[in-house]
Structures are given as structure tokens and as C-alpha cells.
Amino acid sequence: MKIKVFCSAILIFFVVSSCKKEDKGSPGVNEVWLEYKAYNPTQMSVVAGTTVTYTNKDNANHSITETSGLFDSGTIKSGNSFTHTFNDKGTYYFYCNYHSSNSAEQGAIQVK
């Protein structure tokens, strides 16, 4: 009987510990997260030649589409990433084809 109680206690411990909510953290340097139908951060400043990584941290599909047509990621599924290297100085505006009416899912990269 004691072994059953002990095994049950161990099982409950593992179930509870595996349900622990993970800390999502924050985007790294030159990284933009797509989460909750928004970009995080929405604006960033980089030097020419910088590669920016866009990572979908959401459960929905997203895209990164530059307004003048310079680049378009196509569909970025949950957990996947897209990178773009900004070689020329200027300000580049982007949006999500899936959620373009959502002002939170619009962003800008300023290249110096």
C-alpha cells in the first residue's frame, strides 16, 4: 500500500512540474517576434548590412511583407522564422498579409 501512495505522489509531482508555464522571454538583438497578432518590437533601428530575424511565436500564420515590395516572407507558420538583410539605408515599413487591418501588426526598420 505504501508503494502505491509513493508512486502516486511521484506521478503527481511529474505531472504538476511539467505543467509549469515557461517564461517566454523577449526577442534577441535584431530579432522581431510575431505574437498575439502583433510585432515585438514594432520598430527597430539597425546599421546597414544587418540581418533581422522574424520569428513566429504565435499559433496563427503570419507574414512579413515590405510595403514597397522589397521582400515578402510568404507564410510563416508557428515556430518558423524568416530573415532579411537590410543593405541600404532608409526606413522600411512592413505588415502581415493575414492581419494587415490590425495596426499592431505593422512595423518599421530604420537602417542607418
N, C-alpha and C. Protein backbone atom coordinates (compact mmCIF):
# COMPACT_ATOMS: atom_id res chain seq x y z
N MET A 1 0.81 -1.19 0.00
CA MET A 1 0.00 0.00 0.00
C MET A 1 0.87 1.26 0.00
N LYS A 2 1.95 1.25 0.80
CA LYS A 2 2.83 2.40 0.86
C LYS A 2 3.50 2.67 -0.48
N ILE A 3 3.81 1.62 -1.22
CA ILE A 3 4.44 1.78 -2.53
C ILE A 3 3.47 2.46 -3.50
N LYS A 4 2.18 2.10 -3.44
CA LYS A 4 1.18 2.73 -4.29
C LYS A 4 1.08 4.22 -4.01
N VAL A 5 1.05 4.59 -2.75
CA VAL A 5 0.96 6.00 -2.36
C VAL A 5 2.21 6.74 -2.83
N PHE A 6 3.37 6.13 -2.62
CA PHE A 6 4.63 6.75 -3.03
C PHE A 6 4.65 6.95 -4.55
N CYS A 7 4.27 5.95 -5.31
CA CYS A 7 4.26 6.04 -6.78
C CYS A 7 3.26 7.10 -7.24
N SER A 8 2.12 7.15 -6.58
CA SER A 8 1.11 8.16 -6.92
C SER A 8 1.66 9.57 -6.66
N ALA A 9 2.35 9.74 -5.55
CA ALA A 9 2.92 11.04 -5.22
C ALA A 9 3.97 11.45 -6.26
N ILE A 10 4.81 10.52 -6.69
CA ILE A 10 5.83 10.79 -7.71
C ILE A 10 5.15 11.18 -9.03
N LEU A 11 4.13 10.46 -9.41
CA LEU A 11 3.40 10.74 -10.64
C LEU A 11 2.78 12.13 -10.61
N ILE A 12 2.15 12.48 -9.50
CA ILE A 12 1.54 13.80 -9.36
C ILE A 12 2.61 14.89 -9.45
N PHE A 13 3.75 14.67 -8.82
CA PHE A 13 4.85 15.64 -8.88
C PHE A 13 5.26 15.89 -10.33
N PHE A 14 5.46 14.83 -11.11
CA PHE A 14 5.90 14.99 -12.51
C PHE A 14 4.84 15.66 -13.36
N VAL A 15 3.58 15.34 -13.13
CA VAL A 15 2.51 15.98 -13.90
C VAL A 15 2.45 17.47 -13.59
N VAL A 16 2.50 17.83 -12.32
CA VAL A 16 2.43 19.24 -11.93
C VAL A 16 3.66 20.00 -12.44
N SER A 17 4.84 19.42 -12.33
CA SER A 17 6.05 20.13 -12.77
C SER A 17 6.09 20.29 -14.29
N SER A 18 5.50 19.37 -15.03
CA SER A 18 5.50 19.50 -16.48
C SER A 18 4.50 20.53 -16.96
N CYS A 19 3.56 20.93 -16.13
CA CYS A 19 2.56 21.94 -16.48
C CYS A 19 3.04 23.35 -16.16
N LYS A 20 4.22 23.49 -15.65
CA LYS A 20 4.76 24.80 -15.29
C LYS A 20 4.82 25.68 -16.51
N LYS A 21 4.32 26.90 -16.40
CA LYS A 21 4.32 27.84 -17.51
C LYS A 21 5.75 28.34 -17.73
N GLU A 22 6.18 28.29 -19.00
CA GLU A 22 7.53 28.74 -19.33
C GLU A 22 7.56 30.25 -19.49
N ASP A 23 8.68 30.83 -19.11
CA ASP A 23 8.91 32.25 -19.33
C ASP A 23 9.24 32.43 -20.80
N LYS A 24 8.46 33.23 -21.50
CA LYS A 24 8.68 33.42 -22.93
C LYS A 24 9.90 34.27 -23.23
N GLY A 25 10.32 35.09 -22.30
CA GLY A 25 11.47 35.94 -22.54
C GLY A 25 11.14 37.09 -23.46
N SER A 26 12.15 37.54 -24.18
CA SER A 26 11.96 38.65 -25.11
C SER A 26 12.85 38.42 -26.32
N PRO A 27 12.55 39.11 -27.42
CA PRO A 27 13.36 38.93 -28.63
C PRO A 27 14.81 39.30 -28.39
N GLY A 28 15.69 38.61 -29.11
CA GLY A 28 17.12 38.91 -29.03
C GLY A 28 17.47 40.11 -29.89
N VAL A 29 18.74 40.40 -29.96
CA VAL A 29 19.23 41.51 -30.78
C VAL A 29 18.89 41.22 -32.24
N ASN A 30 18.36 42.22 -32.93
CA ASN A 30 18.00 42.11 -34.35
C ASN A 30 16.99 41.00 -34.61
N GLU A 31 16.08 40.81 -33.66
CA GLU A 31 15.04 39.80 -33.79
C GLU A 31 13.68 40.44 -33.52
N VAL A 32 12.70 40.07 -34.33
CA VAL A 32 11.32 40.52 -34.15
C VAL A 32 10.47 39.29 -33.95
N TRP A 33 9.65 39.29 -32.91
CA TRP A 33 8.73 38.18 -32.66
C TRP A 33 7.36 38.56 -33.17
N LEU A 34 6.69 37.61 -33.78
CA LEU A 34 5.30 37.76 -34.19
C LEU A 34 4.49 37.00 -33.16
N GLU A 35 3.76 37.72 -32.35
CA GLU A 35 2.98 37.08 -31.30
C GLU A 35 1.73 37.89 -30.99
N TYR A 36 0.63 37.18 -30.77
CA TYR A 36 -0.64 37.82 -30.43
C TYR A 36 -1.05 38.86 -31.47
N LYS A 37 -0.86 38.53 -32.74
CA LYS A 37 -1.21 39.42 -33.86
C LYS A 37 -0.52 40.77 -33.76
N ALA A 38 0.72 40.76 -33.28
CA ALA A 38 1.49 42.00 -33.17
C ALA A 38 2.97 41.67 -33.35
N TYR A 39 3.74 42.68 -33.74
CA TYR A 39 5.19 42.54 -33.82
C TYR A 39 5.79 43.01 -32.51
N ASN A 40 6.85 42.34 -32.08
CA ASN A 40 7.54 42.70 -30.85
C ASN A 40 9.04 42.67 -31.12
N PRO A 41 9.69 43.83 -31.26
CA PRO A 41 9.19 45.19 -31.19
C PRO A 41 8.57 45.61 -32.53
N THR A 42 7.82 46.70 -32.51
CA THR A 42 7.20 47.18 -33.73
C THR A 42 8.15 48.05 -34.54
N GLN A 43 9.16 48.60 -33.88
CA GLN A 43 10.15 49.44 -34.57
C GLN A 43 11.54 49.09 -34.08
N MET A 44 12.50 49.25 -34.99
CA MET A 44 13.88 48.96 -34.62
C MET A 44 14.80 49.77 -35.52
N SER A 45 15.97 50.07 -35.03
CA SER A 45 16.98 50.79 -35.79
C SER A 45 18.22 49.91 -35.87
N VAL A 46 18.75 49.73 -37.09
CA VAL A 46 19.93 48.89 -37.30
C VAL A 46 20.88 49.59 -38.25
N VAL A 47 22.10 49.10 -38.35
CA VAL A 47 23.06 49.63 -39.31
C VAL A 47 22.96 48.81 -40.60
N ALA A 48 23.34 49.43 -41.71
CA ALA A 48 23.30 48.75 -43.00
C ALA A 48 24.10 47.46 -42.93
N GLY A 49 23.58 46.41 -43.56
CA GLY A 49 24.23 45.11 -43.55
C GLY A 49 23.72 44.18 -42.47
N THR A 50 22.79 44.65 -41.64
CA THR A 50 22.25 43.85 -40.54
C THR A 50 21.17 42.90 -41.04
N THR A 51 21.23 41.67 -40.56
CA THR A 51 20.18 40.69 -40.84
C THR A 51 19.22 40.66 -39.66
N VAL A 52 17.93 40.83 -39.97
CA VAL A 52 16.89 40.79 -38.95
C VAL A 52 16.14 39.47 -39.10
N THR A 53 15.91 38.80 -37.99
CA THR A 53 15.17 37.54 -37.97
C THR A 53 13.78 37.79 -37.39
N TYR A 54 12.78 37.36 -38.14
CA TYR A 54 11.38 37.45 -37.71
C TYR A 54 10.94 36.04 -37.34
N THR A 55 10.53 35.83 -36.10
CA THR A 55 10.15 34.50 -35.61
C THR A 55 8.69 34.50 -35.18
N ASN A 56 7.93 33.53 -35.69
CA ASN A 56 6.51 33.41 -35.34
C ASN A 56 6.39 32.67 -34.02
N LYS A 57 6.03 33.39 -32.98
CA LYS A 57 5.83 32.83 -31.64
C LYS A 57 4.35 32.64 -31.34
N ASP A 58 3.52 32.79 -32.35
CA ASP A 58 2.08 32.72 -32.21
C ASP A 58 1.57 31.38 -32.73
N ASN A 59 0.31 31.07 -32.49
CA ASN A 59 -0.30 29.86 -33.04
C ASN A 59 -0.87 30.08 -34.43
N ALA A 60 -1.03 31.34 -34.84
CA ALA A 60 -1.58 31.68 -36.15
C ALA A 60 -0.47 31.88 -37.18
N ASN A 61 -0.81 31.75 -38.46
CA ASN A 61 0.13 32.07 -39.53
C ASN A 61 0.30 33.58 -39.62
N HIS A 62 1.50 34.00 -40.02
CA HIS A 62 1.81 35.41 -40.21
C HIS A 62 2.69 35.55 -41.44
N SER A 63 2.94 36.80 -41.84
CA SER A 63 3.89 37.09 -42.91
C SER A 63 4.60 38.39 -42.59
N ILE A 64 5.69 38.62 -43.28
CA ILE A 64 6.41 39.89 -43.23
C ILE A 64 6.43 40.38 -44.67
N THR A 65 5.69 41.44 -44.94
CA THR A 65 5.60 41.98 -46.29
C THR A 65 6.00 43.44 -46.25
N GLU A 66 7.05 43.79 -46.97
CA GLU A 66 7.53 45.16 -47.02
C GLU A 66 6.62 45.95 -47.96
N THR A 67 6.23 47.15 -47.56
CA THR A 67 5.19 47.89 -48.29
C THR A 67 5.54 48.23 -49.72
N SER A 68 6.82 48.43 -50.05
CA SER A 68 7.19 48.76 -51.44
C SER A 68 7.52 47.52 -52.26
N GLY A 69 7.37 46.33 -51.66
CA GLY A 69 7.62 45.09 -52.40
C GLY A 69 9.06 44.60 -52.36
N LEU A 70 9.89 45.18 -51.51
CA LEU A 70 11.30 44.77 -51.43
C LEU A 70 11.42 43.30 -51.02
N PHE A 71 10.60 42.86 -50.08
CA PHE A 71 10.62 41.45 -49.67
C PHE A 71 9.26 41.03 -49.16
N ASP A 72 9.02 39.74 -49.24
CA ASP A 72 7.78 39.14 -48.73
C ASP A 72 8.14 37.74 -48.26
N SER A 73 7.87 37.45 -47.03
CA SER A 73 8.26 36.17 -46.44
C SER A 73 7.38 35.01 -46.90
N GLY A 74 6.19 35.31 -47.41
CA GLY A 74 5.21 34.25 -47.60
C GLY A 74 4.72 33.83 -46.22
N THR A 75 4.09 32.69 -46.13
CA THR A 75 3.53 32.22 -44.86
C THR A 75 4.64 31.80 -43.90
N ILE A 76 4.60 32.35 -42.70
CA ILE A 76 5.50 31.92 -41.63
C ILE A 76 4.62 31.19 -40.61
N LYS A 77 4.78 29.89 -40.54
CA LYS A 77 3.98 29.08 -39.61
C LYS A 77 4.53 29.17 -38.20
N SER A 78 3.73 28.79 -37.25
CA SER A 78 4.11 28.82 -35.84
C SER A 78 5.45 28.11 -35.62
N GLY A 79 6.38 28.80 -34.96
CA GLY A 79 7.69 28.22 -34.66
C GLY A 79 8.74 28.45 -35.75
N ASN A 80 8.32 28.92 -36.92
CA ASN A 80 9.26 29.14 -38.02
C ASN A 80 9.74 30.59 -38.05
N SER A 81 10.82 30.82 -38.83
CA SER A 81 11.42 32.15 -38.91
C SER A 81 11.66 32.55 -40.36
N PHE A 82 11.87 33.84 -40.55
CA PHE A 82 12.23 34.43 -41.84
C PHE A 82 13.31 35.46 -41.55
N THR A 83 14.32 35.54 -42.41
CA THR A 83 15.37 36.54 -42.22
C THR A 83 15.47 37.43 -43.45
N HIS A 84 15.87 38.66 -43.21
CA HIS A 84 16.14 39.59 -44.31
C HIS A 84 17.32 40.47 -43.91
N THR A 85 18.23 40.67 -44.85
CA THR A 85 19.39 41.53 -44.63
C THR A 85 19.09 42.90 -45.24
N PHE A 86 19.22 43.94 -44.42
CA PHE A 86 18.97 45.31 -44.85
C PHE A 86 20.31 45.94 -45.23
N ASN A 87 20.55 46.04 -46.53
CA ASN A 87 21.84 46.56 -47.01
C ASN A 87 21.84 48.05 -47.27
N ASP A 88 20.69 48.62 -47.58
CA ASP A 88 20.62 50.04 -47.95
C ASP A 88 19.98 50.86 -46.85
N LYS A 89 20.51 52.07 -46.66
CA LYS A 89 19.96 52.98 -45.65
C LYS A 89 18.55 53.39 -46.05
N GLY A 90 17.73 53.64 -45.04
CA GLY A 90 16.35 54.07 -45.27
C GLY A 90 15.44 53.51 -44.20
N THR A 91 14.17 53.78 -44.35
CA THR A 91 13.18 53.24 -43.43
C THR A 91 12.27 52.30 -44.20
N TYR A 92 12.12 51.11 -43.68
CA TYR A 92 11.35 50.05 -44.35
C TYR A 92 10.15 49.71 -43.47
N TYR A 93 8.98 49.79 -44.08
CA TYR A 93 7.74 49.51 -43.37
C TYR A 93 7.24 48.14 -43.80
N PHE A 94 6.70 47.39 -42.85
CA PHE A 94 6.22 46.05 -43.17
C PHE A 94 4.91 45.78 -42.44
N TYR A 95 4.20 44.78 -42.93
CA TYR A 95 2.91 44.39 -42.35
C TYR A 95 2.70 42.90 -42.56
N CYS A 96 1.64 42.38 -41.96
CA CYS A 96 1.27 40.98 -42.10
C CYS A 96 0.11 40.87 -43.08
N ASN A 97 0.26 40.03 -44.12
CA ASN A 97 -0.83 39.83 -45.08
C ASN A 97 -2.07 39.25 -44.43
N TYR A 98 -1.90 38.50 -43.37
CA TYR A 98 -3.03 37.87 -42.69
C TYR A 98 -3.79 38.84 -41.80
N HIS A 99 -3.10 39.83 -41.28
CA HIS A 99 -3.70 40.72 -40.27
C HIS A 99 -3.40 42.18 -40.58
N SER A 100 -3.32 42.56 -41.84
CA SER A 100 -2.89 43.91 -42.20
C SER A 100 -3.83 45.00 -41.69
N SER A 101 -5.09 44.66 -41.39
CA SER A 101 -6.01 45.68 -40.86
C SER A 101 -5.72 45.97 -39.39
N ASN A 102 -4.91 45.13 -38.77
CA ASN A 102 -4.56 45.30 -37.36
C ASN A 102 -3.35 46.23 -37.28
N SER A 103 -3.54 47.44 -36.79
CA SER A 103 -2.44 48.42 -36.75
C SER A 103 -1.29 47.94 -35.87
N ALA A 104 -1.55 47.02 -34.93
CA ALA A 104 -0.48 46.49 -34.08
C ALA A 104 0.44 45.59 -34.88
N GLU A 105 -0.06 45.05 -35.99
CA GLU A 105 0.79 44.15 -36.78
C GLU A 105 1.32 44.89 -38.00
N GLN A 106 1.90 46.04 -37.72
CA GLN A 106 2.62 46.83 -38.70
C GLN A 106 3.89 47.28 -38.01
N GLY A 107 4.97 47.39 -38.75
CA GLY A 107 6.21 47.78 -38.10
C GLY A 107 7.14 48.52 -39.05
N ALA A 108 8.29 48.91 -38.52
CA ALA A 108 9.27 49.64 -39.30
C ALA A 108 10.68 49.31 -38.85
N ILE A 109 11.57 49.26 -39.82
CA ILE A 109 13.01 49.08 -39.55
C ILE A 109 13.70 50.30 -40.15
N GLN A 110 14.45 51.03 -39.32
CA GLN A 110 15.23 52.16 -39.81
C GLN A 110 16.67 51.69 -39.95
N VAL A 111 17.21 51.84 -41.16
CA VAL A 111 18.57 51.40 -41.44
C VAL A 111 19.45 52.64 -41.58
N LYS A 112 20.49 52.70 -40.77
CA LYS A 112 21.42 53.85 -40.77
C LYS A 112 22.70 53.50 -41.47
